[in-house]
Protein backbone atom coordinates (compact mmCIF):
# COMPACT_ATOMS: atom_id res chain seq x y z
CA UNK A 1 -153.98 121.15 37.54
CA UNK A 2 -156.49 123.44 39.10
CA UNK A 3 -159.90 122.37 39.94
CA UNK A 4 -161.34 125.57 37.76
CA UNK A 5 -163.79 123.00 36.24
CA UNK A 6 -165.59 122.99 39.60
CA UNK A 7 -166.37 126.44 39.58
CA UNK A 8 -168.71 126.45 36.85
CA UNK A 9 -172.29 128.27 37.75
CA UNK A 10 -170.56 129.77 40.49
CA UNK A 11 -171.40 133.68 39.66
CA UNK A 12 -168.64 135.15 40.94
CA UNK A 13 -166.62 133.07 38.65
CA UNK A 14 -165.39 133.87 35.24
CA UNK A 15 -163.26 130.78 34.40
CA UNK A 16 -163.21 128.61 31.52
CA UNK A 17 -166.65 127.54 30.82
CA UNK A 18 -165.67 126.57 26.98
CA UNK A 19 -163.55 124.32 28.39
CA UNK A 20 -165.88 122.56 30.55
CA UNK A 21 -168.43 122.16 27.94
CA UNK A 22 -166.22 120.30 25.50
CA UNK A 23 -164.99 118.22 28.38
CA UNK A 24 -168.48 117.16 29.78
CA UNK A 25 -169.49 116.43 26.17
CA UNK A 26 -166.69 114.24 25.46
CA UNK A 27 -166.95 112.66 29.04
CA UNK A 28 -170.81 111.77 28.12
CA UNK A 29 -169.81 110.33 25.31
CA UNK A 30 -167.22 108.11 26.58
CA UNK A 31 -169.24 107.06 29.29
CA UNK A 32 -172.12 105.82 26.69
CA UNK A 33 -169.45 104.53 24.33
CA UNK A 34 -168.08 102.37 27.68
CA UNK A 35 -171.41 101.24 28.58
CA UNK A 36 -172.10 99.87 24.89
CA UNK A 37 -168.94 98.35 24.92
CA UNK A 38 -169.22 96.61 28.38
CA UNK A 39 -172.48 95.41 27.78
CA UNK A 40 -170.93 93.42 24.69
CA UNK A 41 -168.05 92.21 26.57
CA UNK A 42 -170.31 91.05 29.37
CA UNK A 43 -173.12 89.51 27.77
CA UNK A 44 -171.98 88.98 24.17
CA UNK A 45 -174.65 91.26 22.61
CA UNK A 46 -175.70 94.91 22.09
CA UNK A 47 -177.80 96.44 24.84
CA UNK A 48 -181.68 96.03 24.21
CA UNK A 49 -183.63 99.21 24.01
CA UNK A 50 -184.54 99.31 27.56
CA UNK A 51 -180.97 99.06 28.33
CA UNK A 52 -180.02 101.95 25.96
CA UNK A 53 -182.13 104.45 27.59
CA UNK A 54 -179.43 105.65 30.03
CA UNK A 55 -177.10 105.39 27.04
CA UNK A 56 -179.03 107.66 25.00
CA UNK A 57 -179.52 110.00 28.00
CA UNK A 58 -175.97 110.82 28.29
CA UNK A 59 -175.67 111.02 24.33
CA UNK A 60 -178.65 113.74 24.55
CA UNK A 61 -176.48 115.53 27.21
CA UNK A 62 -173.27 115.55 25.30
CA UNK A 63 -175.20 116.85 22.33
CA UNK A 64 -176.58 119.53 24.69
CA UNK A 65 -173.06 120.53 26.16
CA UNK A 66 -171.47 120.66 22.22
CA UNK A 67 -174.61 122.90 21.27
CA UNK A 68 -174.06 125.30 24.40
CA UNK A 69 -170.32 125.35 23.40
CA UNK A 70 -171.05 126.54 19.79
CA UNK A 71 -173.25 129.40 21.05
CA UNK A 72 -170.71 130.08 24.10
CA UNK A 73 -167.92 130.56 21.31
CA UNK A 74 -170.39 132.98 19.22
CA UNK A 75 -170.95 135.03 22.31
CA UNK A 76 -173.56 133.87 24.63
CA UNK A 77 -172.55 133.55 28.21
CA UNK A 78 -173.72 131.23 30.73
CA UNK A 79 -176.78 133.07 31.82
CA UNK A 80 -178.05 133.20 28.34
CA UNK A 81 -177.46 129.14 27.75
CA UNK A 82 -179.84 128.69 30.85
CA UNK A 83 -182.62 130.71 29.44
CA UNK A 84 -185.80 128.65 29.59
CA UNK A 85 -186.36 128.61 25.74
CA UNK A 86 -182.92 126.69 25.66
CA UNK A 87 -182.80 124.83 28.76
CA UNK A 88 -182.78 121.10 27.85
CA UNK A 89 -183.93 122.00 24.32
CA UNK A 90 -181.78 120.35 21.87
CA UNK A 91 -183.89 121.66 19.05
CA UNK A 92 -183.89 125.06 20.49
CA UNK A 93 -180.07 125.15 21.11
CA UNK A 94 -179.55 123.94 17.38
CA UNK A 95 -181.89 126.56 16.37
CA UNK A 96 -180.05 129.62 17.84
CA UNK A 97 -177.01 127.92 16.43
CA UNK A 98 -178.20 127.98 13.07
CA UNK A 99 -178.96 131.90 13.76
CA UNK A 100 -175.44 132.42 14.38
CA UNK A 101 -174.23 130.79 11.34
CA UNK A 102 -173.83 127.15 12.18
CA UNK A 103 -174.60 124.62 9.92
CA UNK A 104 -175.34 121.03 10.31
CA UNK A 105 -175.44 117.86 8.42
CA UNK A 106 -178.72 115.71 7.51
CA UNK A 107 -177.97 112.95 10.14
CA UNK A 108 -177.04 115.73 12.95
CA UNK A 109 -180.42 117.43 11.82
CA UNK A 110 -182.16 114.03 12.13
CA UNK A 111 -180.70 112.88 15.40
CA UNK A 112 -181.42 116.28 17.44
CA UNK A 113 -185.06 116.26 15.87
CA UNK A 114 -185.44 112.57 17.36
CA UNK A 115 -183.90 113.12 20.64
CA UNK A 116 -184.73 116.79 21.41
CA UNK A 117 -188.72 115.75 22.39
CA UNK A 118 -187.26 113.04 24.72
CA UNK A 119 -184.98 115.25 26.20
CA UNK A 120 -187.03 118.31 26.65
CA UNK A 121 -189.67 116.63 28.56
CA UNK A 122 -187.28 114.22 30.67
CA UNK A 123 -188.41 111.03 29.02
CA UNK A 124 -185.08 109.38 29.34
CA UNK A 125 -185.04 110.03 32.98
CA UNK A 126 -188.22 108.53 34.07
CA UNK A 127 -190.61 106.96 31.57
CA UNK A 128 -189.19 106.52 28.28
CA UNK A 129 -190.64 103.83 25.97
CA UNK A 130 -192.96 102.37 28.50
CA UNK A 131 -196.19 104.07 27.48
CA UNK A 132 -195.64 103.98 23.34
CA UNK A 133 -192.57 102.78 21.49
CA UNK A 134 -190.39 105.80 20.09
CA UNK A 135 -188.97 105.41 16.64
CA UNK A 136 -185.24 106.27 16.85
CA UNK A 137 -183.21 106.70 13.38
CA UNK A 138 -180.06 105.70 14.75
CA UNK A 139 -178.57 103.17 17.41
CA UNK A 140 -176.52 104.38 20.08
CA UNK A 141 -173.38 103.76 18.61
CA UNK A 142 -174.45 105.48 15.57
CA UNK A 143 -175.85 108.44 17.77
CA UNK A 144 -172.32 108.82 19.34
CA UNK A 145 -170.53 109.19 15.90
CA UNK A 146 -173.10 111.49 14.76
CA UNK A 147 -172.52 113.65 17.95
CA UNK A 148 -168.99 113.96 17.49
CA UNK A 149 -169.49 115.73 14.46
CA UNK A 150 -170.98 118.61 16.70
CA UNK A 151 -167.07 119.11 17.92
CA UNK A 152 -166.75 121.29 14.99
CA UNK A 153 -169.77 123.37 15.55
CA UNK A 154 -168.09 125.47 18.31
CA UNK A 155 -167.02 128.02 15.59
CA UNK A 156 -169.70 129.47 13.24
CA UNK A 157 -167.26 128.93 10.31
CA UNK A 158 -167.64 125.54 10.72
CA UNK A 159 -170.50 123.05 9.88
CA UNK A 160 -171.29 119.97 11.67
């Protein structure tokens, strides 16, 4: 096994970026899933909203990677995917996917609409939910399952 995945972002490297986007997305979702399951095992309950903040942060990163993978598969390159209007914008990435023929289920759209503003302003890193309550349409376990639908968005003939 090579360490090709370590070279992502190196301008001299033209390796398997699509693999890395998918690998990162699935890894983020697995970490989120294990955090929820670990909390249940240790405490006998689901995490509280405050405890869910880092879990939701991981889910946002997974969604971002799945959407970037879909764009990469439809012709975008790393430089285009790091453009200001797409960087950290789940809504911007989803809109760009739609322009390229990708369709999303209503629950995927609802999840992206709910999480995009939080992810874009880095609220999940710093001050999420401390100033004002944020309504989220799904719990983190549901978010993980909905996010997995984006795996089909890597080809424009598929819908998510």
